N, C-alpha and C. Protein backbone atom coordinates (compact mmCIF):
# COMPACT_ATOMS: atom_id res chain seq x y z
N MET A 1 -79.33 72.07 -89.96
CA MET A 1 -80.29 71.76 -91.01
C MET A 1 -79.67 70.77 -91.99
N PRO A 2 -80.47 69.85 -92.48
CA PRO A 2 -79.95 68.86 -93.42
C PRO A 2 -79.61 69.49 -94.77
N ARG A 3 -78.69 68.83 -95.48
CA ARG A 3 -78.31 69.26 -96.82
C ARG A 3 -78.86 68.24 -97.82
N PHE A 4 -79.17 68.74 -99.00
CA PHE A 4 -79.74 67.91 -100.07
C PHE A 4 -78.99 68.20 -101.37
N LEU A 5 -78.72 67.15 -102.11
CA LEU A 5 -78.11 67.29 -103.43
C LEU A 5 -79.20 67.11 -104.47
N SER A 6 -79.39 68.13 -105.28
CA SER A 6 -80.34 68.06 -106.40
C SER A 6 -79.51 67.84 -107.66
N MET A 7 -79.59 66.63 -108.21
CA MET A 7 -78.84 66.29 -109.42
C MET A 7 -79.73 66.56 -110.63
N ILE A 8 -79.26 67.40 -111.50
CA ILE A 8 -80.02 67.84 -112.65
C ILE A 8 -79.72 66.90 -113.81
N ARG A 9 -80.71 66.12 -114.20
CA ARG A 9 -80.54 65.11 -115.24
C ARG A 9 -81.13 65.62 -116.55
N ILE A 10 -80.35 65.46 -117.62
CA ILE A 10 -80.81 65.86 -118.95
C ILE A 10 -80.49 64.74 -119.93
N ASP A 11 -81.17 64.77 -121.05
CA ASP A 11 -80.84 63.88 -122.18
C ASP A 11 -80.03 64.73 -123.14
N GLU A 12 -78.72 64.51 -123.18
CA GLU A 12 -77.85 65.33 -124.02
C GLU A 12 -78.25 65.27 -125.49
N ASN A 13 -78.84 64.16 -125.93
CA ASN A 13 -79.22 64.01 -127.34
C ASN A 13 -80.44 64.84 -127.70
N ASN A 14 -81.24 65.21 -126.71
CA ASN A 14 -82.47 65.95 -126.99
C ASN A 14 -82.48 67.34 -126.37
N ALA A 15 -81.39 67.77 -125.79
CA ALA A 15 -81.32 69.12 -125.23
C ALA A 15 -81.24 70.12 -126.38
N PRO A 16 -81.80 71.31 -126.20
CA PRO A 16 -81.73 72.31 -127.27
C PRO A 16 -80.28 72.58 -127.67
N ALA A 17 -80.01 72.49 -128.96
CA ALA A 17 -78.65 72.65 -129.47
C ALA A 17 -78.07 74.03 -129.14
N GLU A 18 -78.93 75.03 -129.10
CA GLU A 18 -78.47 76.39 -128.82
C GLU A 18 -78.23 76.63 -127.34
N GLY A 19 -78.58 75.65 -126.50
CA GLY A 19 -78.39 75.80 -125.06
C GLY A 19 -79.46 76.68 -124.45
N PRO A 20 -79.25 77.10 -123.23
CA PRO A 20 -80.25 77.94 -122.55
C PRO A 20 -80.38 79.31 -123.20
N SER A 21 -81.59 79.79 -123.29
CA SER A 21 -81.83 81.13 -123.85
C SER A 21 -81.39 82.19 -122.85
N PRO A 22 -81.15 83.40 -123.32
CA PRO A 22 -80.81 84.49 -122.40
C PRO A 22 -81.91 84.72 -121.36
N GLU A 23 -83.17 84.54 -121.77
CA GLU A 23 -84.28 84.72 -120.83
C GLU A 23 -84.26 83.65 -119.74
N LEU A 24 -83.96 82.41 -120.13
CA LEU A 24 -83.85 81.34 -119.15
C LEU A 24 -82.71 81.63 -118.18
N MET A 25 -81.58 82.06 -118.69
CA MET A 25 -80.44 82.35 -117.83
C MET A 25 -80.77 83.49 -116.86
N GLN A 26 -81.54 84.47 -117.31
CA GLN A 26 -81.93 85.57 -116.43
C GLN A 26 -82.85 85.07 -115.32
N ARG A 27 -83.87 84.28 -115.70
CA ARG A 27 -84.80 83.74 -114.69
C ARG A 27 -84.06 82.85 -113.70
N MET A 28 -83.14 82.03 -114.22
CA MET A 28 -82.38 81.14 -113.35
C MET A 28 -81.49 81.96 -112.41
N GLY A 29 -80.85 82.98 -112.93
CA GLY A 29 -80.01 83.84 -112.09
C GLY A 29 -80.80 84.49 -110.97
N GLU A 30 -82.01 84.97 -111.29
CA GLU A 30 -82.86 85.59 -110.28
C GLU A 30 -83.25 84.59 -109.20
N LEU A 31 -83.62 83.38 -109.61
CA LEU A 31 -84.00 82.36 -108.64
C LEU A 31 -82.80 81.97 -107.78
N LEU A 32 -81.65 81.77 -108.39
CA LEU A 32 -80.47 81.39 -107.62
C LEU A 32 -80.08 82.48 -106.62
N GLU A 33 -80.25 83.73 -107.01
CA GLU A 33 -79.99 84.84 -106.09
C GLU A 33 -80.97 84.79 -104.91
N GLU A 34 -82.24 84.54 -105.19
CA GLU A 34 -83.24 84.43 -104.14
C GLU A 34 -82.91 83.27 -103.19
N MET A 35 -82.51 82.14 -103.76
CA MET A 35 -82.17 80.98 -102.95
C MET A 35 -80.94 81.24 -102.09
N THR A 36 -79.97 81.97 -102.63
CA THR A 36 -78.77 82.31 -101.87
C THR A 36 -79.12 83.23 -100.71
N LYS A 37 -79.94 84.25 -100.97
CA LYS A 37 -80.35 85.18 -99.92
C LYS A 37 -81.16 84.48 -98.83
N ALA A 38 -81.92 83.45 -99.22
CA ALA A 38 -82.72 82.70 -98.25
C ALA A 38 -81.87 81.71 -97.46
N GLY A 39 -80.59 81.56 -97.83
CA GLY A 39 -79.70 80.65 -97.13
C GLY A 39 -79.89 79.19 -97.51
N VAL A 40 -80.58 78.95 -98.62
CA VAL A 40 -80.88 77.58 -99.06
C VAL A 40 -79.81 77.05 -100.01
N LEU A 41 -79.34 77.89 -100.91
CA LEU A 41 -78.39 77.45 -101.94
C LEU A 41 -76.96 77.55 -101.41
N LEU A 42 -76.29 76.41 -101.30
CA LEU A 42 -74.91 76.38 -100.85
C LEU A 42 -73.93 76.39 -102.01
N ASP A 43 -74.30 75.71 -103.11
CA ASP A 43 -73.43 75.64 -104.28
C ASP A 43 -74.25 75.14 -105.46
N THR A 44 -73.87 75.54 -106.65
CA THR A 44 -74.51 75.05 -107.87
C THR A 44 -73.54 75.19 -109.04
N ALA A 45 -73.69 74.31 -110.02
CA ALA A 45 -72.87 74.41 -111.22
C ALA A 45 -73.43 73.50 -112.29
N GLY A 46 -73.16 73.86 -113.52
CA GLY A 46 -73.43 72.98 -114.64
C GLY A 46 -72.18 72.15 -114.90
N LEU A 47 -72.35 71.03 -115.57
CA LEU A 47 -71.23 70.15 -115.87
C LEU A 47 -70.97 70.14 -117.36
N ALA A 48 -69.71 69.92 -117.72
CA ALA A 48 -69.33 69.80 -119.13
C ALA A 48 -70.03 68.58 -119.72
N PRO A 49 -70.22 68.54 -121.03
CA PRO A 49 -70.88 67.39 -121.66
C PRO A 49 -70.09 66.10 -121.46
N THR A 50 -70.78 64.98 -121.57
CA THR A 50 -70.13 63.68 -121.37
C THR A 50 -69.02 63.44 -122.38
N SER A 51 -69.06 64.12 -123.52
CA SER A 51 -67.98 63.96 -124.50
C SER A 51 -66.64 64.41 -123.92
N GLN A 52 -66.68 65.21 -122.87
CA GLN A 52 -65.46 65.69 -122.23
C GLN A 52 -65.19 64.96 -120.90
N GLY A 53 -65.99 63.94 -120.60
CA GLY A 53 -65.87 63.23 -119.33
C GLY A 53 -65.18 61.89 -119.46
N THR A 54 -64.89 61.31 -118.33
CA THR A 54 -64.27 59.99 -118.24
C THR A 54 -64.94 59.22 -117.11
N ARG A 55 -65.21 57.95 -117.35
CA ARG A 55 -65.75 57.07 -116.31
C ARG A 55 -64.65 56.13 -115.84
N VAL A 56 -64.54 56.01 -114.53
CA VAL A 56 -63.61 55.06 -113.93
C VAL A 56 -64.48 54.03 -113.21
N HIS A 57 -64.35 52.77 -113.59
CA HIS A 57 -65.20 51.69 -113.10
C HIS A 57 -64.35 50.66 -112.36
N TYR A 58 -64.87 50.20 -111.22
CA TYR A 58 -64.19 49.17 -110.44
C TYR A 58 -65.11 47.98 -110.30
N GLU A 59 -64.64 46.81 -110.69
CA GLU A 59 -65.44 45.59 -110.57
C GLU A 59 -64.50 44.39 -110.50
N GLY A 60 -64.78 43.49 -109.58
CA GLY A 60 -64.00 42.27 -109.46
C GLY A 60 -62.52 42.50 -109.23
N GLY A 61 -62.18 43.59 -108.57
CA GLY A 61 -60.78 43.89 -108.28
C GLY A 61 -60.04 44.56 -109.42
N HIS A 62 -60.74 44.92 -110.50
CA HIS A 62 -60.10 45.53 -111.67
C HIS A 62 -60.71 46.90 -111.97
N LEU A 63 -59.85 47.79 -112.41
CA LEU A 63 -60.28 49.12 -112.82
C LEU A 63 -60.33 49.21 -114.34
N SER A 64 -61.31 49.95 -114.83
CA SER A 64 -61.34 50.28 -116.26
C SER A 64 -61.64 51.77 -116.39
N VAL A 65 -61.12 52.37 -117.43
CA VAL A 65 -61.29 53.79 -117.70
C VAL A 65 -61.87 53.94 -119.10
N THR A 66 -62.98 54.68 -119.20
CA THR A 66 -63.65 54.88 -120.49
C THR A 66 -63.85 56.37 -120.71
N ASP A 67 -63.39 56.87 -121.84
CA ASP A 67 -63.61 58.27 -122.20
C ASP A 67 -64.99 58.43 -122.81
N GLY A 68 -65.61 59.59 -122.57
CA GLY A 68 -66.92 59.90 -123.12
C GLY A 68 -66.81 60.22 -124.60
N PRO A 69 -67.91 60.36 -125.29
CA PRO A 69 -69.28 60.37 -124.73
C PRO A 69 -69.77 58.96 -124.42
N PHE A 70 -70.78 58.90 -123.59
CA PHE A 70 -71.32 57.63 -123.13
C PHE A 70 -72.66 57.41 -123.82
N THR A 71 -72.62 56.85 -125.00
CA THR A 71 -73.81 56.74 -125.86
C THR A 71 -74.88 55.85 -125.26
N GLU A 72 -74.51 54.93 -124.37
CA GLU A 72 -75.52 54.05 -123.79
C GLU A 72 -76.36 54.76 -122.73
N SER A 73 -75.97 55.96 -122.32
CA SER A 73 -76.71 56.70 -121.31
C SER A 73 -77.78 57.56 -121.95
N LYS A 74 -79.03 57.36 -121.52
CA LYS A 74 -80.11 58.21 -122.00
C LYS A 74 -80.08 59.54 -121.24
N GLU A 75 -80.03 59.46 -119.91
CA GLU A 75 -79.96 60.66 -119.09
C GLU A 75 -78.59 60.76 -118.44
N VAL A 76 -78.08 61.97 -118.36
CA VAL A 76 -76.81 62.21 -117.69
C VAL A 76 -76.99 63.37 -116.71
N ILE A 77 -76.10 63.45 -115.75
CA ILE A 77 -76.16 64.57 -114.81
C ILE A 77 -75.52 65.77 -115.50
N GLY A 78 -76.33 66.80 -115.72
CA GLY A 78 -75.87 68.00 -116.42
C GLY A 78 -75.48 69.12 -115.48
N GLY A 79 -75.78 68.94 -114.19
CA GLY A 79 -75.44 69.95 -113.20
C GLY A 79 -75.95 69.50 -111.84
N TYR A 80 -75.75 70.36 -110.86
CA TYR A 80 -76.19 70.03 -109.51
C TYR A 80 -76.46 71.30 -108.73
N ALA A 81 -77.18 71.14 -107.64
CA ALA A 81 -77.35 72.21 -106.65
C ALA A 81 -77.27 71.56 -105.28
N MET A 82 -76.47 72.16 -104.40
CA MET A 82 -76.39 71.70 -103.02
C MET A 82 -77.27 72.66 -102.21
N LEU A 83 -78.30 72.09 -101.60
CA LEU A 83 -79.27 72.89 -100.86
C LEU A 83 -79.19 72.57 -99.38
N GLN A 84 -79.51 73.56 -98.55
CA GLN A 84 -79.67 73.35 -97.12
C GLN A 84 -81.09 73.79 -96.79
N ALA A 85 -81.90 72.83 -96.38
CA ALA A 85 -83.32 73.10 -96.15
C ALA A 85 -83.75 72.45 -94.84
N LYS A 86 -84.91 72.89 -94.35
CA LYS A 86 -85.38 72.33 -93.07
C LYS A 86 -85.74 70.86 -93.20
N ASP A 87 -86.18 70.46 -94.43
CA ASP A 87 -86.54 69.06 -94.67
C ASP A 87 -86.59 68.81 -96.17
N GLN A 88 -86.83 67.56 -96.53
CA GLN A 88 -86.84 67.19 -97.95
C GLN A 88 -87.96 67.90 -98.70
N ALA A 89 -89.09 68.11 -98.05
CA ALA A 89 -90.21 68.79 -98.71
C ALA A 89 -89.81 70.19 -99.16
N GLU A 90 -89.08 70.92 -98.31
CA GLU A 90 -88.64 72.26 -98.70
C GLU A 90 -87.64 72.19 -99.85
N ALA A 91 -86.72 71.24 -99.80
CA ALA A 91 -85.74 71.08 -100.89
C ALA A 91 -86.46 70.77 -102.20
N ILE A 92 -87.50 69.96 -102.14
CA ILE A 92 -88.26 69.62 -103.35
C ILE A 92 -88.99 70.85 -103.88
N GLU A 93 -89.54 71.68 -103.01
CA GLU A 93 -90.24 72.90 -103.46
C GLU A 93 -89.28 73.83 -104.20
N TRP A 94 -88.08 74.02 -103.67
CA TRP A 94 -87.09 74.85 -104.37
C TRP A 94 -86.71 74.23 -105.71
N THR A 95 -86.60 72.91 -105.75
CA THR A 95 -86.25 72.21 -106.99
C THR A 95 -87.36 72.38 -108.02
N LYS A 96 -88.61 72.32 -107.60
CA LYS A 96 -89.74 72.55 -108.52
C LYS A 96 -89.65 73.95 -109.11
N ARG A 97 -89.33 74.93 -108.29
CA ARG A 97 -89.21 76.30 -108.79
C ARG A 97 -88.09 76.39 -109.81
N PHE A 98 -86.99 75.70 -109.57
CA PHE A 98 -85.88 75.68 -110.53
C PHE A 98 -86.34 75.10 -111.87
N LEU A 99 -87.06 73.98 -111.83
CA LEU A 99 -87.52 73.35 -113.07
C LEU A 99 -88.50 74.26 -113.82
N LYS A 100 -89.33 74.99 -113.11
CA LYS A 100 -90.35 75.84 -113.74
C LYS A 100 -89.78 77.05 -114.47
N VAL A 101 -88.51 77.42 -114.23
CA VAL A 101 -87.93 78.56 -114.97
C VAL A 101 -87.59 78.16 -116.40
N HIS A 102 -87.55 76.86 -116.69
CA HIS A 102 -87.23 76.38 -118.04
C HIS A 102 -88.42 76.54 -118.98
N GLU A 103 -88.10 76.76 -120.26
CA GLU A 103 -89.14 76.82 -121.29
C GLU A 103 -89.72 75.42 -121.51
N PRO A 104 -90.94 75.34 -122.08
CA PRO A 104 -91.60 74.04 -122.28
C PRO A 104 -90.84 73.05 -123.15
N HIS A 105 -89.94 73.53 -124.04
CA HIS A 105 -89.23 72.58 -124.91
C HIS A 105 -88.07 71.86 -124.19
N TRP A 106 -87.79 72.23 -122.96
CA TRP A 106 -86.76 71.54 -122.17
C TRP A 106 -87.36 70.31 -121.50
N THR A 107 -86.58 69.24 -121.40
CA THR A 107 -86.93 68.08 -120.59
C THR A 107 -85.82 67.93 -119.56
N VAL A 108 -86.17 68.18 -118.31
CA VAL A 108 -85.19 68.16 -117.23
C VAL A 108 -85.78 67.40 -116.05
N THR A 109 -84.99 66.56 -115.44
CA THR A 109 -85.40 65.83 -114.24
C THR A 109 -84.38 66.12 -113.14
N CYS A 110 -84.85 66.39 -111.95
CA CYS A 110 -83.95 66.57 -110.81
C CYS A 110 -84.19 65.45 -109.81
N GLU A 111 -83.13 64.84 -109.39
CA GLU A 111 -83.19 63.83 -108.33
C GLU A 111 -82.69 64.50 -107.06
N VAL A 112 -83.54 64.55 -106.03
CA VAL A 112 -83.21 65.21 -104.77
C VAL A 112 -82.92 64.14 -103.72
N ARG A 113 -81.71 64.18 -103.15
CA ARG A 113 -81.33 63.20 -102.14
C ARG A 113 -80.64 63.88 -100.97
N GLU A 114 -80.96 63.43 -99.78
CA GLU A 114 -80.35 63.99 -98.59
C GLU A 114 -78.89 63.52 -98.48
N VAL A 115 -78.03 64.44 -98.08
CA VAL A 115 -76.62 64.11 -97.87
C VAL A 115 -76.50 63.44 -96.50
N GLN A 116 -75.89 62.28 -96.48
CA GLN A 116 -75.69 61.56 -95.22
C GLN A 116 -74.47 62.14 -94.52
N GLU A 117 -74.69 62.70 -93.36
CA GLU A 117 -73.60 63.30 -92.60
C GLU A 117 -72.78 62.21 -91.93
N ALA A 118 -71.46 62.38 -91.94
CA ALA A 118 -70.56 61.37 -91.35
C ALA A 118 -70.58 61.43 -89.85
């Protein structure tokens, strides 16, 4: 079965300062447990804020290193989920369910892409 990477994009400047509510974390935990039991969820994690990140850029034969935060970025990857699904449509359905556990004041976008096997 193909694997899909769901990249969870957030706007760090507009995310709730208090972070996820306990209710959101409970709903998310229940969904992730269901996905694991269904054999769909292979791995998932949240990422530290960009203020703790570093970008390494290569262009024209030269490397540059920039410490975060990256103020020019509107959306950043705040986490990911590695899914194994029968097809992209199934991966998207699970991703929709993940987004729906969030309260209405959250703005979250997931980009779902198939992993190219070597």
